[in-house]
Amino acid sequence: QKECCLKKSAADQVAEMWTSLFGRENLEEWEKNTGQGLRDFCDGVWEYSWSGDATWHYGGGHVDCWCSGMVKIEVSDEEKVQREIATLLKENPFVSEEKIYDYYDDILGQMLDEGLEYYVTCEEYYEPVMEDYDGSFQDAAEKFCEKYGFSLVGCECDGDASDYEPDHDRYGW
């Protein structure tokens, strides 16, 4: 009461809340639930949906390319996953499986975006063939899995491209 400059009734309420929050029974429950989100995530099979686009430019024109895909994964190396999300777990040992999913969704999305951009723009003189992109998509998904401790359960994608279109506005036509 003196340390916190509280009246007796407020100090009693704070003390009751403190003992309730940090009582033996509650601490046992907290201990049991610590890391539950990680355990649930590691026990699940996760499906990630993605879509992206990129543009190939050549000779005063361009081809717009787009793709959408699905990657289904499961955890194969729990220690690798735990090391990767150590910061999340340190901030909140009760982090949910959905937050962990979102964390990996961002990483996988970025890898797939970069892979599509590279595929579309890597050949300066040849238009990309989006019907053939599924192999590159699967390679990117497999690299993600290997790097982050997952195994690939399923993977599919579908891509398409526009016809070559001149960049009239580029030259003021």
C-alpha atoms as a PDB file:
ATOM      1  CA  GLN A   1       0.000   0.000   0.000  1.00  0.00           C
ATOM      2  CA  LYS A   2       2.818   2.439   0.933  1.00  0.00           C
ATOM      3  CA  GLU A   3       5.108   1.463  -2.000  1.00  0.00           C
ATOM      4  CA  CYS A   4       2.429   2.062  -4.627  1.00  0.00           C
ATOM      5  CA  CYS A   5       0.779   5.015  -2.882  1.00  0.00           C
ATOM      6  CA  LEU A   6      -2.580   3.278  -2.902  1.00  0.00           C
ATOM      7  CA  LYS A   7      -5.499   3.332  -0.527  1.00  0.00           C
ATOM      8  CA  LYS A   8      -6.109   0.111   1.363  1.00  0.00           C
ATOM      9  CA  SER A   9      -9.040  -0.992  -0.844  1.00  0.00           C
ATOM     10  CA  ALA A  10      -7.065  -0.456  -4.081  1.00  0.00           C
ATOM     11  CA  ALA A  11      -3.991  -2.180  -2.610  1.00  0.00           C
ATOM     12  CA  ASP A  12      -6.163  -5.144  -1.547  1.00  0.00           C
ATOM     13  CA  GLN A  13      -7.593  -5.423  -5.085  1.00  0.00           C
ATOM     14  CA  VAL A  14      -4.120  -5.330  -6.655  1.00  0.00           C
ATOM     15  CA  ALA A  15      -2.850  -7.934  -4.177  1.00  0.00           C
ATOM     16  CA  GLU A  16      -5.822 -10.196  -4.887  1.00  0.00           C
ATOM     17  CA  MET A  17      -5.273  -9.835  -8.633  1.00  0.00           C
ATOM     18  CA  TRP A  18      -1.531 -10.556  -8.215  1.00  0.00           C
ATOM     19  CA  THR A  19      -2.059 -13.699  -6.164  1.00  0.00           C
ATOM     20  CA  SER A  20      -4.759 -14.913  -8.536  1.00  0.00           C
ATOM     21  CA  LEU A  21      -2.596 -14.284 -11.594  1.00  0.00           C
ATOM     22  CA  PHE A  22       0.585 -15.793 -10.158  1.00  0.00           C
ATOM     23  CA  GLY A  23      -0.938 -18.493  -7.971  1.00  0.00           C
ATOM     24  CA  ARG A  24       0.449 -22.042  -8.179  1.00  0.00           C
ATOM     25  CA  GLU A  25      -2.552 -23.368 -10.098  1.00  0.00           C
ATOM     26  CA  ASN A  26      -2.414 -20.587 -12.678  1.00  0.00           C
ATOM     27  CA  LEU A  27       1.367 -20.875 -13.089  1.00  0.00           C
ATOM     28  CA  GLU A  28       0.992 -24.609 -13.752  1.00  0.00           C
ATOM     29  CA  GLU A  29      -1.582 -23.830 -16.449  1.00  0.00           C
ATOM     30  CA  TRP A  30       0.760 -21.238 -18.013  1.00  0.00           C
ATOM     31  CA  GLU A  31       3.619 -23.723 -17.984  1.00  0.00           C
ATOM     32  CA  LYS A  32       1.432 -26.329 -19.677  1.00  0.00           C
ATOM     33  CA  ASN A  33       0.356 -23.869 -22.408  1.00  0.00           C
ATOM     34  CA  THR A  34       3.796 -22.417 -23.079  1.00  0.00           C
ATOM     35  CA  GLY A  35       4.714 -23.364 -26.639  1.00  0.00           C
ATOM     36  CA  GLN A  36       1.319 -24.872 -27.443  1.00  0.00           C
ATOM     37  CA  GLY A  37       0.985 -22.798 -30.619  1.00  0.00           C
ATOM     38  CA  LEU A  38       4.349 -24.106 -31.834  1.00  0.00           C
ATOM     39  CA  ARG A  39       3.358 -27.691 -31.017  1.00  0.00           C
ATOM     40  CA  ASP A  40       0.050 -27.286 -32.862  1.00  0.00           C
ATOM     41  CA  PHE A  41       1.825 -25.738 -35.846  1.00  0.00           C
ATOM     42  CA  CYS A  42       4.357 -28.581 -35.975  1.00  0.00           C
ATOM     43  CA  ASP A  43       1.553 -31.174 -35.882  1.00  0.00           C
ATOM     44  CA  GLY A  44      -0.381 -29.637 -38.773  1.00  0.00           C
ATOM     45  CA  VAL A  45      -0.335 -29.736 -42.552  1.00  0.00           C
ATOM     46  CA  TRP A  46      -0.429 -26.185 -43.896  1.00  0.00           C
ATOM     47  CA  GLU A  47      -1.676 -24.881 -47.215  1.00  0.00           C
ATOM     48  CA  TYR A  48      -0.350 -21.613 -48.563  1.00  0.00           C
ATOM     49  CA  SER A  49      -1.980 -19.815 -51.474  1.00  0.00           C
ATOM     50  CA  TRP A  50      -0.034 -17.325 -53.543  1.00  0.00           C
ATOM     51  CA  SER A  51      -0.448 -15.170 -56.622  1.00  0.00           C
ATOM     52  CA  GLY A  52       2.040 -12.914 -58.307  1.00  0.00           C
ATOM     53  CA  ASP A  53       2.808 -11.030 -61.472  1.00  0.00           C
ATOM     54  CA  ALA A  54       5.822  -9.713 -63.336  1.00  0.00           C
ATOM     55  CA  THR A  55       6.512  -7.991 -66.638  1.00  0.00           C
ATOM     56  CA  TRP A  56       9.078  -8.821 -69.316  1.00  0.00           C
ATOM     57  CA  HIS A  57      10.317  -5.850 -71.364  1.00  0.00           C
ATOM     58  CA  TYR A  58      12.101  -5.973 -74.693  1.00  0.00           C
ATOM     59  CA  GLY A  59      12.442  -3.849 -77.808  1.00  0.00           C
ATOM     60  CA  GLY A  60       9.910  -1.191 -76.932  1.00  0.00           C
ATOM     61  CA  GLY A  61       7.257  -3.603 -75.738  1.00  0.00           C
ATOM     62  CA  HIS A  62       6.290  -5.878 -72.917  1.00  0.00           C
ATOM     63  CA  VAL A  63       4.552  -9.086 -71.888  1.00  0.00           C
ATOM     64  CA  ASP A  64       2.573  -9.165 -68.643  1.00  0.00           C
ATOM     65  CA  CYS A  65       2.849 -12.482 -66.770  1.00  0.00           C
ATOM     66  CA  TRP A  66       0.908 -13.759 -63.793  1.00  0.00           C
ATOM     67  CA  CYS A  67       0.688 -16.901 -61.780  1.00  0.00           C
ATOM     68  CA  SER A  68      -1.211 -18.346 -58.857  1.00  0.00           C
ATOM     69  CA  GLY A  69      -0.311 -21.395 -56.871  1.00  0.00           C
ATOM     70  CA  MET A  70      -0.745 -23.498 -53.783  1.00  0.00           C
ATOM     71  CA  VAL A  71       1.922 -25.071 -51.595  1.00  0.00           C
ATOM     72  CA  LYS A  72       1.011 -27.682 -48.981  1.00  0.00           C
ATOM     73  CA  ILE A  73       3.701 -28.381 -46.374  1.00  0.00           C
ATOM     74  CA  GLU A  74       4.302 -30.039 -43.032  1.00  0.00           C
ATOM     75  CA  VAL A  75       7.067 -29.606 -40.490  1.00  0.00           C
ATOM     76  CA  SER A  76       9.906 -32.101 -40.866  1.00  0.00           C
ATOM     77  CA  ASP A  77      12.456 -30.458 -38.547  1.00  0.00           C
ATOM     78  CA  GLU A  78      10.855 -29.004 -35.411  1.00  0.00           C
ATOM     79  CA  GLU A  79      14.186 -27.707 -34.084  1.00  0.00           C
ATOM     80  CA  LYS A  80      14.795 -25.709 -37.263  1.00  0.00           C
ATOM     81  CA  VAL A  81      11.318 -24.181 -36.996  1.00  0.00           C
ATOM     82  CA  GLN A  82      11.861 -23.362 -33.319  1.00  0.00           C
ATOM     83  CA  ARG A  83      15.210 -21.684 -34.064  1.00  0.00           C
ATOM     84  CA  GLU A  84      13.678 -19.658 -36.895  1.00  0.00           C
ATOM     85  CA  ILE A  85      10.830 -18.295 -34.767  1.00  0.00           C
ATOM     86  CA  ALA A  86      12.868 -17.916 -31.567  1.00  0.00           C
ATOM     87  CA  THR A  87      12.228 -14.159 -31.521  1.00  0.00           C
ATOM     88  CA  LEU A  88       8.465 -14.690 -31.795  1.00  0.00           C
ATOM     89  CA  LEU A  89       8.577 -17.232 -28.969  1.00  0.00           C
ATOM     90  CA  LYS A  90      10.700 -14.947 -26.805  1.00  0.00           C
ATOM     91  CA  GLU A  91       8.237 -12.078 -27.271  1.00  0.00           C
ATOM     92  CA  ASN A  92       5.274 -14.350 -26.620  1.00  0.00           C
ATOM     93  CA  PRO A  93       5.719 -17.996 -25.555  1.00  0.00           C
ATOM     94  CA  PHE A  94       1.974 -18.444 -26.164  1.00  0.00           C
ATOM     95  CA  VAL A  95       2.175 -17.366 -29.826  1.00  0.00           C
ATOM     96  CA  SER A  96      -0.641 -18.972 -31.806  1.00  0.00           C
ATOM     97  CA  GLU A  97      -0.242 -21.402 -34.670  1.00  0.00           C
ATOM     98  CA  GLU A  98      -1.949 -18.796 -36.894  1.00  0.00           C
ATOM     99  CA  LYS A  99       0.759 -16.211 -36.118  1.00  0.00           C
ATOM    100  CA  ILE A 100       3.432 -18.774 -36.950  1.00  0.00           C
ATOM    101  CA  TYR A 101       1.571 -19.569 -40.198  1.00  0.00           C
ATOM    102  CA  ASP A 102       1.507 -15.841 -41.039  1.00  0.00           C
ATOM    103  CA  TYR A 103       5.240 -15.583 -40.349  1.00  0.00           C
ATOM    104  CA  TYR A 104       6.051 -18.331 -42.849  1.00  0.00           C
ATOM    105  CA  ASP A 105       3.395 -17.110 -45.296  1.00  0.00           C
ATOM    106  CA  ASP A 106       5.298 -13.809 -45.586  1.00  0.00           C
ATOM    107  CA  ILE A 107       8.627 -15.567 -46.182  1.00  0.00           C
ATOM    108  CA  LEU A 108       7.236 -18.029 -48.717  1.00  0.00           C
ATOM    109  CA  GLY A 109       5.346 -15.272 -50.528  1.00  0.00           C
ATOM    110  CA  GLN A 110       8.489 -13.200 -50.852  1.00  0.00           C
ATOM    111  CA  MET A 111      10.487 -16.197 -52.150  1.00  0.00           C
ATOM    112  CA  LEU A 112       7.797 -17.000 -54.725  1.00  0.00           C
ATOM    113  CA  ASP A 113       7.547 -13.327 -55.803  1.00  0.00           C
ATOM    114  CA  GLU A 114      11.323 -13.182 -56.311  1.00  0.00           C
ATOM    115  CA  GLY A 115      11.296 -16.505 -58.171  1.00  0.00           C
ATOM    116  CA  LEU A 116       8.579 -15.326 -60.556  1.00  0.00           C
ATOM    117  CA  GLU A 117      10.350 -12.025 -61.178  1.00  0.00           C
ATOM    118  CA  TYR A 118      13.586 -13.870 -61.973  1.00  0.00           C
ATOM    119  CA  TYR A 119      11.829 -16.390 -64.242  1.00  0.00           C
ATOM    120  CA  VAL A 120      10.069 -13.670 -66.226  1.00  0.00           C
ATOM    121  CA  THR A 121      13.041 -11.319 -66.599  1.00  0.00           C
ATOM    122  CA  CYS A 122      16.104 -13.614 -66.708  1.00  0.00           C
ATOM    123  CA  GLU A 123      16.129 -14.007 -70.521  1.00  0.00           C
ATOM    124  CA  GLU A 124      16.518 -10.614 -72.101  1.00  0.00           C
ATOM    125  CA  TYR A 125      15.657 -11.674 -75.668  1.00  0.00           C
ATOM    126  CA  TYR A 126      13.137 -14.472 -75.148  1.00  0.00           C
ATOM    127  CA  GLU A 127       9.606 -14.116 -73.886  1.00  0.00           C
ATOM    128  CA  PRO A 128       8.809 -16.162 -70.763  1.00  0.00           C
ATOM    129  CA  VAL A 129       6.631 -19.244 -71.270  1.00  0.00           C
ATOM    130  CA  MET A 130       4.301 -19.282 -68.287  1.00  0.00           C
ATOM    131  CA  GLU A 131       2.956 -22.734 -69.133  1.00  0.00           C
ATOM    132  CA  ASP A 132       6.427 -24.021 -68.165  1.00  0.00           C
ATOM    133  CA  TYR A 133       6.660 -22.076 -64.905  1.00  0.00           C
ATOM    134  CA  ASP A 134       5.324 -24.907 -62.724  1.00  0.00           C
ATOM    135  CA  GLY A 135       8.783 -26.525 -62.518  1.00  0.00           C
ATOM    136  CA  SER A 136      10.352 -23.299 -61.272  1.00  0.00           C
ATOM    137  CA  PHE A 137       7.473 -22.834 -58.841  1.00  0.00           C
ATOM    138  CA  GLN A 138       8.014 -26.302 -57.401  1.00  0.00           C
ATOM    139  CA  ASP A 139      11.784 -25.686 -57.170  1.00  0.00           C
ATOM    140  CA  ALA A 140      11.144 -22.501 -55.167  1.00  0.00           C
ATOM    141  CA  ALA A 141       8.741 -24.359 -52.849  1.00  0.00           C
ATOM    142  CA  GLU A 142      11.284 -27.154 -52.321  1.00  0.00           C
ATOM    143  CA  LYS A 143      14.062 -24.639 -51.535  1.00  0.00           C
ATOM    144  CA  PHE A 144      11.791 -22.966 -48.992  1.00  0.00           C
ATOM    145  CA  CYS A 145      11.031 -26.330 -47.378  1.00  0.00           C
ATOM    146  CA  GLU A 146      14.670 -27.336 -47.210  1.00  0.00           C
ATOM    147  CA  LYS A 147      15.778 -24.009 -45.760  1.00  0.00           C
ATOM    148  CA  TYR A 148      13.060 -23.762 -43.096  1.00  0.00           C
ATOM    149  CA  GLY A 149      12.543 -27.360 -41.959  1.00  0.00           C
ATOM    150  CA  PHE A 150       9.465 -28.441 -43.900  1.00  0.00           C
ATOM    151  CA  SER A 151       8.605 -31.191 -46.330  1.00  0.00           C
ATOM    152  CA  LEU A 152       6.541 -30.560 -49.423  1.00  0.00           C
ATOM    153  CA  VAL A 153       3.219 -32.425 -49.347  1.00  0.00           C
ATOM    154  CA  GLY A 154       1.712 -30.892 -52.489  1.00  0.00           C
ATOM    155  CA  CYS A 155       2.293 -28.108 -54.935  1.00  0.00           C
ATOM    156  CA  GLU A 156       0.469 -26.739 -57.970  1.00  0.00           C
ATOM    157  CA  CYS A 157       0.460 -23.566 -59.970  1.00  0.00           C
ATOM    158  CA  ASP A 158      -1.109 -22.049 -63.035  1.00  0.00           C
ATOM    159  CA  GLY A 159       0.391 -19.204 -65.007  1.00  0.00           C
ATOM    160  CA  ASP A 160      -0.422 -17.219 -68.094  1.00  0.00           C
ATOM    161  CA  ALA A 161       0.860 -14.250 -70.064  1.00  0.00           C
ATOM    162  CA  SER A 162      -0.450 -11.513 -72.291  1.00  0.00           C
ATOM    163  CA  ASP A 163       0.552 -11.139 -75.899  1.00  0.00           C
ATOM    164  CA  TYR A 164       3.507  -8.900 -76.705  1.00  0.00           C
ATOM    165  CA  GLU A 165       2.320  -5.295 -76.543  1.00  0.00           C
ATOM    166  CA  PRO A 166       4.250  -2.271 -77.822  1.00  0.00           C
ATOM    167  CA  ASP A 167       5.002   0.450 -75.276  1.00  0.00           C
ATOM    168  CA  HIS A 168       3.489   3.315 -77.299  1.00  0.00           C
ATOM    169  CA  ASP A 169       3.328   5.681 -74.362  1.00  0.00           C
ATOM    170  CA  ARG A 170       7.014   5.110 -73.726  1.00  0.00           C
ATOM    171  CA  TYR A 171       7.890   6.967 -76.931  1.00  0.00           C
ATOM    172  CA  GLY A 172       5.017   9.421 -76.895  1.00  0.00           C
ATOM    173  CA  TRP A 173       3.112   7.832 -79.801  1.00  0.00           C
END
